[in-house]
Every structure is written in structure tokens, then in C-alpha cells.
C-alpha atoms as a PDB file:
ATOM      1  CA  MET A   1     -41.251  83.507  15.422  1.00  0.00           C
ATOM      2  CA  GLY A   2     -42.175  79.849  16.341  1.00  0.00           C
ATOM      3  CA  LEU A   3     -39.734  77.499  17.928  1.00  0.00           C
ATOM      4  CA  ALA A   4     -39.319  75.397  14.785  1.00  0.00           C
ATOM      5  CA  ASP A   5     -38.259  78.583  12.965  1.00  0.00           C
ATOM      6  CA  GLN A   6     -35.364  79.267  15.337  1.00  0.00           C
ATOM      7  CA  GLN A   7     -31.881  77.893  15.293  1.00  0.00           C
ATOM      8  CA  CYS A   8     -30.312  75.639  17.976  1.00  0.00           C
ATOM      9  CA  VAL A   9     -27.517  77.468  19.762  1.00  0.00           C
ATOM     10  CA  PRO A  10     -24.522  75.291  20.879  1.00  0.00           C
ATOM     11  CA  CYS A  11     -24.036  75.230  24.603  1.00  0.00           C
ATOM     12  CA  ARG A  12     -20.793  76.106  25.903  1.00  0.00           C
ATOM     13  CA  GLY A  13     -21.501  75.167  29.494  1.00  0.00           C
ATOM     14  CA  GLY A  14     -21.790  77.314  32.580  1.00  0.00           C
ATOM     15  CA  VAL A  15     -25.519  77.861  31.696  1.00  0.00           C
ATOM     16  CA  PRO A  16     -28.162  76.622  34.366  1.00  0.00           C
ATOM     17  CA  PRO A  17     -30.689  74.126  33.077  1.00  0.00           C
ATOM     18  CA  LEU A  18     -34.168  75.410  32.636  1.00  0.00           C
ATOM     19  CA  GLY A  19     -36.434  75.454  35.661  1.00  0.00           C
ATOM     20  CA  ALA A  20     -39.772  73.692  35.898  1.00  0.00           C
ATOM     21  CA  GLU A  21     -41.934  76.787  35.002  1.00  0.00           C
ATOM     22  CA  ARG A  22     -39.988  77.570  31.731  1.00  0.00           C
ATOM     23  CA  ILE A  23     -40.033  73.882  30.871  1.00  0.00           C
ATOM     24  CA  ALA A  24     -43.927  73.871  31.078  1.00  0.00           C
ATOM     25  CA  GLU A  25     -44.164  76.943  29.278  1.00  0.00           C
ATOM     26  CA  LEU A  26     -42.100  75.690  26.321  1.00  0.00           C
ATOM     27  CA  LEU A  27     -43.782  72.230  26.475  1.00  0.00           C
ATOM     28  CA  ARG A  28     -47.073  73.911  25.616  1.00  0.00           C
ATOM     29  CA  GLN A  29     -45.528  75.155  22.318  1.00  0.00           C
ATOM     30  CA  LEU A  30     -44.697  71.574  21.234  1.00  0.00           C
ATOM     31  CA  ALA A  31     -46.941  68.950  19.635  1.00  0.00           C
ATOM     32  CA  PRO A  32     -49.014  66.757  22.048  1.00  0.00           C
ATOM     33  CA  GLY A  33     -47.093  63.784  23.353  1.00  0.00           C
ATOM     34  CA  TRP A  34     -43.775  65.436  24.228  1.00  0.00           C
ATOM     35  CA  GLU A  35     -42.994  64.903  27.934  1.00  0.00           C
ATOM     36  CA  SER A  36     -40.336  66.325  30.298  1.00  0.00           C
ATOM     37  CA  VAL A  37     -38.752  63.381  32.054  1.00  0.00           C
ATOM     38  CA  ARG A  38     -37.779  64.563  35.597  1.00  0.00           C
ATOM     39  CA  GLY A  39     -36.939  68.018  34.066  1.00  0.00           C
ATOM     40  CA  HIS A  40     -33.830  66.383  32.628  1.00  0.00           C
ATOM     41  CA  HIS A  41     -34.684  65.529  29.191  1.00  0.00           C
ATOM     42  CA  LEU A  42     -37.505  65.592  26.616  1.00  0.00           C
ATOM     43  CA  ARG A  43     -39.181  62.455  25.144  1.00  0.00           C
ATOM     44  CA  MET A  44     -41.526  61.865  22.273  1.00  0.00           C
ATOM     45  CA  THR A  45     -42.658  58.623  20.650  1.00  0.00           C
ATOM     46  CA  TYR A  46     -43.796  59.218  16.990  1.00  0.00           C
ATOM     47  CA  LYS A  47     -45.932  56.594  15.393  1.00  0.00           C
ATOM     48  CA  SER A  48     -45.499  55.511  11.620  1.00  0.00           C
ATOM     49  CA  THR A  49     -47.241  53.015   9.497  1.00  0.00           C
ATOM     50  CA  ASP A  50     -44.269  50.662   8.946  1.00  0.00           C
ATOM     51  CA  PHE A  51     -40.515  50.411   9.475  1.00  0.00           C
ATOM     52  CA  LYS A  52     -39.606  52.103   6.137  1.00  0.00           C
ATOM     53  CA  SER A  53     -41.361  55.301   6.972  1.00  0.00           C
ATOM     54  CA  ALA A  54     -40.070  55.219  10.537  1.00  0.00           C
ATOM     55  CA  LEU A  55     -36.410  54.703   9.059  1.00  0.00           C
ATOM     56  CA  ALA A  56     -36.870  57.648   6.647  1.00  0.00           C
ATOM     57  CA  PHE A  57     -38.007  59.886   9.566  1.00  0.00           C
ATOM     58  CA  VAL A  58     -34.976  58.977  11.559  1.00  0.00           C
ATOM     59  CA  ASN A  59     -32.824  59.925   8.486  1.00  0.00           C
ATOM     60  CA  ARG A  60     -34.593  63.219   8.209  1.00  0.00           C
ATOM     61  CA  ILE A  61     -33.962  63.948  12.055  1.00  0.00           C
ATOM     62  CA  GLY A  62     -30.334  62.884  11.542  1.00  0.00           C
ATOM     63  CA  ALA A  63     -29.699  65.388   8.658  1.00  0.00           C
ATOM     64  CA  MET A  64     -31.326  68.075  10.591  1.00  0.00           C
ATOM     65  CA  ALA A  65     -29.264  67.130  13.660  1.00  0.00           C
ATOM     66  CA  GLU A  66     -26.076  67.737  11.710  1.00  0.00           C
ATOM     67  CA  GLU A  67     -27.396  70.987  10.371  1.00  0.00           C
ATOM     68  CA  GLN A  68     -28.285  72.164  13.826  1.00  0.00           C
ATOM     69  CA  GLY A  69     -25.158  70.797  15.683  1.00  0.00           C
ATOM     70  CA  HIS A  70     -27.616  69.306  18.115  1.00  0.00           C
ATOM     71  CA  HIS A  71     -27.829  65.518  18.495  1.00  0.00           C
ATOM     72  CA  PRO A  72     -30.661  63.556  19.985  1.00  0.00           C
ATOM     73  CA  ASP A  73     -30.954  59.963  21.152  1.00  0.00           C
ATOM     74  CA  LEU A  74     -33.032  57.960  18.623  1.00  0.00           C
ATOM     75  CA  GLN A  75     -34.735  54.548  18.962  1.00  0.00           C
ATOM     76  CA  LEU A  76     -35.993  53.011  15.766  1.00  0.00           C
ATOM     77  CA  ALA A  77     -38.531  50.272  15.881  1.00  0.00           C
ATOM     78  CA  TRP A  78     -41.147  48.899  13.538  1.00  0.00           C
ATOM     79  CA  GLY A  79     -43.869  51.778  13.369  1.00  0.00           C
ATOM     80  CA  LYS A  80     -42.321  54.104  15.838  1.00  0.00           C
ATOM     81  CA  VAL A  81     -39.344  56.447  16.476  1.00  0.00           C
ATOM     82  CA  VAL A  82     -38.470  57.513  20.093  1.00  0.00           C
ATOM     83  CA  VAL A  83     -36.744  60.899  20.468  1.00  0.00           C
ATOM     84  CA  GLU A  84     -34.896  61.955  23.450  1.00  0.00           C
ATOM     85  CA  ILE A  85     -33.220  65.331  23.747  1.00  0.00           C
ATOM     86  CA  TRP A  86     -31.259  67.212  26.393  1.00  0.00           C
ATOM     87  CA  THR A  87     -28.147  69.390  26.382  1.00  0.00           C
ATOM     88  CA  HIS A  88     -25.269  67.102  27.392  1.00  0.00           C
ATOM     89  CA  LYS A  89     -22.948  69.884  28.245  1.00  0.00           C
ATOM     90  CA  ILE A  90     -25.125  70.860  31.244  1.00  0.00           C
ATOM     91  CA  ASP A  91     -26.926  67.601  31.660  1.00  0.00           C
ATOM     92  CA  GLY A  92     -30.326  69.288  31.515  1.00  0.00           C
ATOM     93  CA  LEU A  93     -32.633  71.289  29.231  1.00  0.00           C
ATOM     94  CA  THR A  94     -32.015  74.457  27.316  1.00  0.00           C
ATOM     95  CA  GLU A  95     -34.204  76.400  25.048  1.00  0.00           C
ATOM     96  CA  SER A  96     -32.380  74.769  22.113  1.00  0.00           C
ATOM     97  CA  ASP A  97     -33.722  71.403  23.177  1.00  0.00           C
ATOM     98  CA  PHE A  98     -37.295  72.700  22.644  1.00  0.00           C
ATOM     99  CA  ILE A  99     -36.333  74.286  19.302  1.00  0.00           C
ATOM    100  CA  PHE A 100     -34.923  70.905  18.183  1.00  0.00           C
ATOM    101  CA  ALA A 101     -38.165  69.188  19.404  1.00  0.00           C
ATOM    102  CA  ALA A 102     -40.388  71.570  17.395  1.00  0.00           C
ATOM    103  CA  LYS A 103     -38.290  71.027  14.344  1.00  0.00           C
ATOM    104  CA  CYS A 104     -38.785  67.179  14.759  1.00  0.00           C
ATOM    105  CA  ASP A 105     -42.546  67.855  14.899  1.00  0.00           C
ATOM    106  CA  ARG A 106     -42.304  69.845  11.647  1.00  0.00           C
ATOM    107  CA  LEU A 107     -40.282  67.088   9.999  1.00  0.00           C
ATOM    108  CA  HIS A 108     -42.873  64.403  11.106  1.00  0.00           C
ATOM    109  CA  ALA A 109     -45.715  66.510   9.744  1.00  0.00           C
ATOM    110  CA  ALA A 110     -44.000  66.778   6.234  1.00  0.00           C
END
């Protein structure tokens, strides 16, 4: 089962953030362009043709975030959307962050 087919699992704390080796392994399963920023969070800049399509993408991410119970930081600008994801409860990355990223990739491709 691919990452995008899995469900985000709410973090209750007390879980250590992922290590560099596991982060690198999971990054390879995402679309090109995702980066791990200092091993703390994931970042991707999605391009779009105009503001309207970027806004529609943000709205699709927002709906999915509510469904998954996992909420990214989003930056909307003309022709682009920046997505940053991490698990706030542990101030680092969990596998759910990568699942969410893969779901964003699927939404962008749709």
C-alpha cells in the first residue's frame, strides 16, 4: 500500500521524531521537490498556472486536512502553494507527515 493510500494517525506525544535514515527512505516515496528542512519538517512548493487554481488546490488540501485530522502550514500566492508539514505534538516528523505529503501530491495531480 502506498503512502497516499494510508490514513494519518494522530500523535499523542511521547513518540520520538523520525531519524535521518527513515526520513530519507520516506522522502524517496514522495514526488520530486519535497525536502526535509533540518529533519524537522517537510516543505514543497507546488506550481500552478494562476491564483484561482492555486486557491482551489489550497481548498482541496484544507478539506483533506480536516478529514485526516492533520493540519499543514499553507502559503498561497499567485501561481504557487507552499506546504509545510510536521507533527506539532513532538515538534518533528512522523510517518503521518509523509502520508499527508503523499496525499497532497495525489490532490495536485488530480
